[in-house]
Amino acid sequence: MKKLWMMVLLLALCAGCGTGQTQDDAENAAPGTEVSQTDGYTEGKYFIDVDSSSTMFKVVSAVLNVENGEMTADLTLSGQGYGYLYMGTGEEAQQAPAEEYIGYIEGADGAYTYTVPVAALDQEIDCAAWSIKKEAWYDRVLVFRSETIRPWVEDGTYTVEATLEGGGGKSTITSPLTLTIQNGQMTARIEWSSPYYDYMVVDFVEYLPVNTEGNSVFEIPVKLDTPIEITADTIAMSEPHEIDYVLTLSGDTLQKA
């Protein structure tokens, strides 16, 4: 899988160079990914991170689609406040015909997903968002980051090996752990070797245990092959104590559960 990831990153940075695909590349694709070569691009679906200029427009999941030398992205937002998107400025959106507006598809979990054209990677792209509540267009700027491209994996439940660094090695987590993917969002079930962890913090968000008996268990958002800084609070000592760790999930070990 890592071999494929390296190839995808190279093609994203040098699109159109016509690099050939090998049989090994196809065999190493992530579960559910079909890969072929077209016009210098590797066709298929990939996860990608998207930077947004506004905290009110948070992309929680993005799937990059490459087909016939063109790119689109399925953007899932954190909220339900936008009725339409338009790839341009708000002023341009006001002048554009309604058929150019991009509507959403509501998932089973209520999340809104929009399929938008992607003109380029690693460049600022204007995106206007129509606020349902305010009935107005708001200007946003998106950047699709090529260095974060990674193979798409279909929704489902998987197992994956995990490593934990930090904390002096006194506590461990169960590995392999259970990984759930839904609408491109990955959630890991973290079971500690101790029952004394009362909360975890990931990306400034606090998570509480999902169990009441036995060792502490949490469900937190993760990414494959990306070191994730986490904080876990233990009450095993005389006073609560936060401990910093680094969690990494190995994409090469991903298996359907």
Protein backbone atom coordinates (compact mmCIF):
# COMPACT_ATOMS: atom_id res chain seq x y z
CA MET A 1 0.00 0.00 0.00
CA LYS A 2 2.83 2.42 0.77
CA LYS A 3 4.21 1.83 -2.73
CA LEU A 4 0.93 3.03 -4.20
CA TRP A 5 0.85 6.06 -1.93
CA MET A 6 4.29 7.16 -3.09
CA MET A 7 3.22 6.82 -6.71
CA VAL A 8 0.04 8.83 -6.13
CA LEU A 9 1.96 11.67 -4.50
CA LEU A 10 4.41 11.79 -7.41
CA LEU A 11 1.61 11.90 -9.95
CA ALA A 12 -0.24 14.59 -8.01
CA LEU A 13 2.83 16.81 -8.11
CA CYS A 14 3.74 16.00 -11.72
CA ALA A 15 0.35 15.41 -13.32
CA GLY A 16 0.54 14.75 -17.00
CA CYS A 17 4.06 13.32 -17.01
CA GLY A 18 2.71 9.98 -18.29
CA THR A 19 4.32 7.69 -15.72
CA GLY A 20 3.28 4.09 -16.38
CA GLN A 21 1.49 1.89 -13.89
CA THR A 22 2.83 -1.50 -12.92
CA GLN A 23 0.95 -4.64 -11.99
CA ASP A 24 2.32 -4.31 -8.45
CA ASP A 25 0.68 -0.88 -8.11
CA ALA A 26 -2.74 -2.33 -8.86
CA GLU A 27 -2.21 -5.30 -6.56
CA ASN A 28 -1.15 -3.04 -3.68
CA ALA A 29 -4.23 -0.81 -3.93
CA ALA A 30 -6.35 -0.38 -0.80
CA PRO A 31 -9.46 -2.56 -0.42
CA GLY A 32 -12.19 -1.32 -2.77
CA THR A 33 -9.84 0.80 -4.92
CA GLU A 34 -9.65 0.27 -8.69
CA VAL A 35 -6.64 1.87 -10.34
CA SER A 36 -5.86 2.47 -14.02
CA GLN A 37 -3.69 4.89 -15.98
CA THR A 38 -5.28 7.66 -18.10
CA ASP A 39 -3.59 10.74 -19.58
CA GLY A 40 -0.84 10.80 -17.00
CA TYR A 41 -3.18 10.54 -14.01
CA THR A 42 -3.77 7.44 -11.96
CA GLU A 43 -7.52 6.93 -12.02
CA GLY A 44 -9.27 6.02 -8.83
CA LYS A 45 -10.57 7.38 -5.53
CA TYR A 46 -8.38 8.78 -2.79
CA PHE A 47 -8.70 10.44 0.56
CA ILE A 48 -7.27 13.96 0.65
CA ASP A 49 -7.15 16.71 3.27
CA VAL A 50 -8.67 20.07 2.42
CA ASP A 51 -7.76 23.33 4.12
CA SER A 52 -10.55 25.87 4.49
CA SER A 53 -10.22 29.60 5.04
CA SER A 54 -13.16 29.58 7.47
CA THR A 55 -13.90 27.64 10.65
CA MET A 56 -17.56 27.93 9.63
CA PHE A 57 -16.80 25.77 6.58
CA LYS A 58 -15.08 22.71 8.00
CA VAL A 59 -14.39 19.80 5.67
CA VAL A 60 -14.49 16.65 7.79
CA SER A 61 -13.94 14.28 4.88
CA ALA A 62 -12.85 14.62 1.27
CA VAL A 63 -12.63 11.95 -1.41
CA LEU A 64 -10.71 12.87 -4.56
CA ASN A 65 -12.01 11.28 -7.75
CA VAL A 66 -9.65 11.07 -10.74
CA GLU A 67 -11.22 10.10 -14.06
CA ASN A 68 -10.24 10.85 -17.67
CA GLY A 69 -7.60 13.31 -16.57
CA GLU A 70 -10.05 15.38 -14.52
CA MET A 71 -10.55 15.67 -10.78
CA THR A 72 -13.61 16.09 -8.60
CA ALA A 73 -13.95 15.86 -4.85
CA ASP A 74 -16.75 14.67 -2.59
CA LEU A 75 -16.67 17.14 0.31
CA THR A 76 -18.47 16.26 3.54
CA LEU A 77 -18.95 19.24 5.84
CA SER A 78 -19.27 19.31 9.60
CA GLY A 79 -22.61 21.10 9.56
CA GLN A 80 -25.86 21.42 7.62
CA GLY A 81 -25.89 25.16 7.09
CA TYR A 82 -25.16 25.39 3.37
CA GLY A 83 -27.71 24.67 0.66
CA TYR A 84 -25.40 25.13 -2.32
CA LEU A 85 -21.76 25.59 -3.25
CA TYR A 86 -20.36 27.43 -6.23
CA MET A 87 -16.76 27.16 -7.40
CA GLY A 88 -15.98 30.83 -7.55
CA THR A 89 -16.60 33.93 -5.49
CA GLY A 90 -19.90 34.92 -3.94
CA GLU A 91 -20.18 37.79 -6.39
CA GLU A 92 -19.71 35.39 -9.30
CA ALA A 93 -22.27 33.03 -7.80
CA GLN A 94 -24.89 35.79 -7.76
CA GLN A 95 -24.42 36.27 -11.51
CA ALA A 96 -24.28 32.55 -12.38
CA PRO A 97 -27.28 30.49 -13.52
CA ALA A 98 -28.81 28.28 -10.84
CA GLU A 99 -27.88 25.10 -12.72
CA GLU A 100 -24.23 25.83 -11.92
CA TYR A 101 -24.93 25.66 -8.19
CA ILE A 102 -23.79 22.44 -6.51
CA GLY A 103 -26.34 20.87 -4.21
CA TYR A 104 -25.72 18.35 -1.44
CA ILE A 105 -26.54 14.71 -0.87
CA GLU A 106 -27.61 13.92 2.69
CA GLY A 107 -26.04 10.79 4.12
CA ALA A 108 -27.66 8.30 6.45
CA ASP A 109 -25.98 10.10 9.34
CA GLY A 110 -27.38 13.46 8.24
CA ALA A 111 -24.05 14.76 6.89
CA TYR A 112 -24.10 16.95 3.77
CA THR A 113 -21.77 15.95 0.91
CA TYR A 114 -21.12 18.06 -2.18
CA THR A 115 -19.31 16.92 -5.34
CA VAL A 116 -17.18 19.77 -6.68
CA PRO A 117 -14.68 20.10 -9.56
CA VAL A 118 -11.04 20.42 -8.51
CA ALA A 119 -9.07 22.66 -10.84
CA ALA A 120 -5.68 22.03 -9.19
CA LEU A 121 -3.96 20.68 -6.11
CA ASP A 122 -1.96 22.84 -3.68
CA GLN A 123 -3.53 26.05 -4.97
CA GLU A 124 -6.11 28.36 -3.45
CA ILE A 125 -9.52 27.78 -5.03
CA ASP A 126 -12.48 30.09 -4.51
CA CYS A 127 -15.64 28.44 -3.25
CA ALA A 128 -18.82 30.31 -2.40
CA ALA A 129 -21.28 28.77 0.06
CA TRP A 130 -24.98 29.65 0.21
CA SER A 131 -26.15 29.98 3.82
CA ILE A 132 -29.62 28.50 4.31
CA LYS A 133 -30.20 30.59 7.42
CA LYS A 134 -28.77 33.91 6.21
CA GLU A 135 -29.85 33.47 2.58
CA ALA A 136 -26.53 34.87 1.40
CA TRP A 137 -23.33 33.74 -0.33
CA TYR A 138 -20.16 33.54 1.76
CA ASP A 139 -16.68 33.48 0.25
CA ARG A 140 -14.42 30.58 1.21
CA VAL A 141 -11.01 29.51 -0.06
CA LEU A 142 -10.05 25.83 -0.30
CA VAL A 143 -6.68 24.14 -0.78
CA PHE A 144 -6.53 20.45 -1.72
CA ARG A 145 -3.22 19.26 -0.24
CA SER A 146 -1.43 16.76 -2.48
CA GLU A 147 0.94 15.60 0.28
CA THR A 148 -2.07 14.15 2.14
CA ILE A 149 -3.33 11.97 -0.73
CA ARG A 150 -3.86 8.39 0.39
CA PRO A 151 -5.80 5.44 -1.03
CA TRP A 152 -9.53 5.46 -0.56
CA VAL A 153 -11.03 2.66 1.49
CA GLU A 154 -14.69 1.76 1.31
CA ASP A 155 -16.92 2.22 4.34
CA GLY A 156 -16.87 -0.68 6.76
CA THR A 157 -15.21 -2.16 9.82
CA TYR A 158 -11.52 -3.06 9.78
CA THR A 159 -8.68 -4.09 12.05
CA VAL A 160 -5.35 -2.28 12.00
CA GLU A 161 -2.09 -2.44 13.93
CA ALA A 162 -1.38 0.57 16.14
CA THR A 163 1.70 1.86 17.94
CA LEU A 164 1.70 4.20 20.94
CA GLU A 165 4.67 6.35 21.94
CA GLY A 166 5.12 8.47 25.04
CA GLY A 167 3.91 8.20 28.60
CA GLY A 168 6.94 6.26 29.81
CA GLY A 169 5.55 2.99 28.49
CA LYS A 170 3.58 2.20 31.65
CA SER A 171 0.26 1.97 29.82
CA THR A 172 -0.45 0.37 26.47
CA ILE A 173 -3.37 0.00 24.08
CA THR A 174 -4.80 -3.11 22.47
CA SER A 175 -3.42 -3.78 18.99
CA PRO A 176 -4.70 -4.56 16.45
CA LEU A 177 -7.62 -2.25 17.14
CA THR A 178 -11.00 -1.84 15.47
CA LEU A 179 -11.32 0.89 12.84
CA THR A 180 -14.67 2.04 11.50
CA ILE A 181 -14.95 4.05 8.27
CA GLN A 182 -18.15 5.91 7.47
CA ASN A 183 -18.44 8.58 4.77
CA GLY A 184 -14.66 8.71 4.64
CA GLN A 185 -14.32 9.45 8.35
CA MET A 186 -12.18 7.02 10.34
CA THR A 187 -12.94 6.23 13.96
CA ALA A 188 -10.67 4.02 16.07
CA ARG A 189 -11.74 2.12 19.16
CA ILE A 190 -8.93 2.63 21.68
CA GLU A 191 -8.78 0.20 24.62
CA TRP A 192 -6.22 1.04 27.29
CA SER A 193 -4.46 -1.44 29.57
CA SER A 194 -5.84 0.53 32.53
CA PRO A 195 -9.35 1.41 33.73
CA TYR A 196 -8.19 4.79 35.06
CA TYR A 197 -8.35 7.02 31.98
CA ASP A 198 -11.33 9.36 32.28
CA TYR A 199 -10.94 11.41 29.09
CA MET A 200 -8.85 11.83 25.96
CA VAL A 201 -8.13 14.94 23.89
CA VAL A 202 -7.59 14.80 20.12
CA ASP A 203 -7.19 17.99 18.07
CA PHE A 204 -8.49 20.06 21.01
CA VAL A 205 -11.68 17.98 21.30
CA GLU A 206 -12.37 16.03 24.49
CA TYR A 207 -13.65 12.44 24.29
CA LEU A 208 -15.15 10.44 27.15
CA PRO A 209 -15.05 6.65 27.66
CA VAL A 210 -17.71 4.64 25.84
CA ASN A 211 -17.76 1.98 28.58
CA THR A 212 -18.37 1.94 32.33
CA GLU A 213 -16.64 -1.31 33.33
CA GLY A 214 -13.20 -2.78 32.63
CA ASN A 215 -10.30 -1.00 30.99
CA SER A 216 -11.01 2.44 29.59
CA VAL A 217 -12.28 2.44 25.98
CA PHE A 218 -12.59 5.49 23.72
CA GLU A 219 -13.66 6.12 20.15
CA ILE A 220 -11.60 8.86 18.48
CA PRO A 221 -11.06 10.20 14.93
CA VAL A 222 -7.85 8.99 13.24
CA LYS A 223 -5.95 8.78 9.96
CA LEU A 224 -3.79 5.97 8.64
CA ASP A 225 0.01 6.30 8.59
CA THR A 226 -0.18 9.71 10.25
CA PRO A 227 1.28 10.34 13.73
CA ILE A 228 -1.60 11.63 15.86
CA GLU A 229 -0.91 13.63 19.00
CA ILE A 230 -3.28 12.66 21.79
CA THR A 231 -3.63 13.46 25.46
CA ALA A 232 -5.09 11.05 27.99
CA ASP A 233 -6.01 11.94 31.56
CA THR A 234 -5.38 9.31 34.22
CA ILE A 235 -6.84 9.24 37.72
CA ALA A 236 -4.60 6.37 38.85
CA MET A 237 -2.40 8.81 40.79
CA SER A 238 -3.26 10.87 43.84
CA GLU A 239 -4.31 13.67 41.51
CA PRO A 240 -5.55 13.55 37.87
CA HIS A 241 -2.67 13.77 35.45
CA GLU A 242 -2.67 14.43 31.69
CA ILE A 243 -0.16 12.40 29.66
CA ASP A 244 0.81 13.10 26.05
CA TYR A 245 1.14 10.28 23.52
CA VAL A 246 1.61 9.81 19.78
CA LEU A 247 -0.65 7.25 18.11
CA THR A 248 0.11 5.80 14.65
CA LEU A 249 -2.01 3.34 12.67
CA SER A 250 -0.22 1.30 10.01
CA GLY A 251 -2.14 1.30 6.72
CA ASP A 252 -0.19 -1.76 5.53
CA THR A 253 -1.90 -3.85 8.21
CA LEU A 254 -5.47 -2.79 7.37
CA GLN A 255 -7.79 -5.79 7.06
CA LYS A 256 -11.51 -6.17 6.68
CA ALA A 257 -13.01 -7.31 9.97
